[in-house]
Amino acid sequence: MARRSSSKGRYHHGELRTALLEAAIELIAERGLQGLSLRECARRIGVSHAAPYRHFADKRALLLAIARQGFTIFVEMGRAAMAAVADEDDPQARLDAYGVSYVRFAVDHPVHFRVMFSAELDEPSTIEALDDAVRCEQGAGDEAGAGAGAGASALADGDAGAFALLVEATQAVLGEDVDEAAGLVAALAAWSLPHGLAMLILDGRIPAEQVSTPGQVEALARTVIEQWRGPLARSGDGPPRRRKRSRSSR
């Protein structure tokens, strides 16, 4: 007898959208993004093949909803981590906490993380998607009208996004005298480090025994962030500058 999917029977009247999202996340975890389909989601929760279209115009609309949900969780975790820093006057510690929470989010919510940065959404700019990302998903409507033509703005439901939070935290470290362009570059650097570490973990490039528990993930993330970014930011020194070549060396 074939095993029944764990999402089967989870649907209750009035909760179709939630059930579809849960089924989609489960399906992506099993088969990857290419294995996702509205038809299979419908089959798993025991509704007609047409039912998902009441909420999602197509596969991309469903992915956008997952991404929006992910950004919501992501920003909430980042804000909570920064707020938990004992010394509110230590902006570097708050930025480090944001970076650690970034890695924790990726490990705790791998499907959301991959969807958020997936080429499947065909966003013109990941930064735009981050900047437009919703701070909360409360009141999110149906995505029945968010078809393949919807852009990064389809992720926007609030007035602050994940990248905006990162820029704010980075700016606090750099101080008010740093211009906007330099602040953006610093924010990109602060983003790249935890993102790269998260991808290494998710892709199995780091031995599983080193990241098998939340405590290990946090410890590794904190060590990497403090060793490669923290000291540079705290020192007040910029990146090493290229020395001018003397005439004799030309």
Foldseek 3Di string as FASTA:
>chain_A
DDDQDPLEQVDDPPCVLVSLLVLQLVQCVVPNLVRDFLQVSCVNHPHDSCVLLVFAQTSLLSLLVLLLVLQQVLLVQLVVQLVPPPDVLDLLSSLLSSLLSNLVSCVVRVSNVCSLPDCVNVEPDSVLLQAQAENHCPPPGGNSVVDSPHYSNSRHDDNGGDLNVLLVSQCSLLDDVDDPVVSSVSSVVSVVQSVVVSVCVVVCVDPCVQVVDSVSSSVVSSVSCCVPPVVCSVVSDDPDDDDDDDPVVD
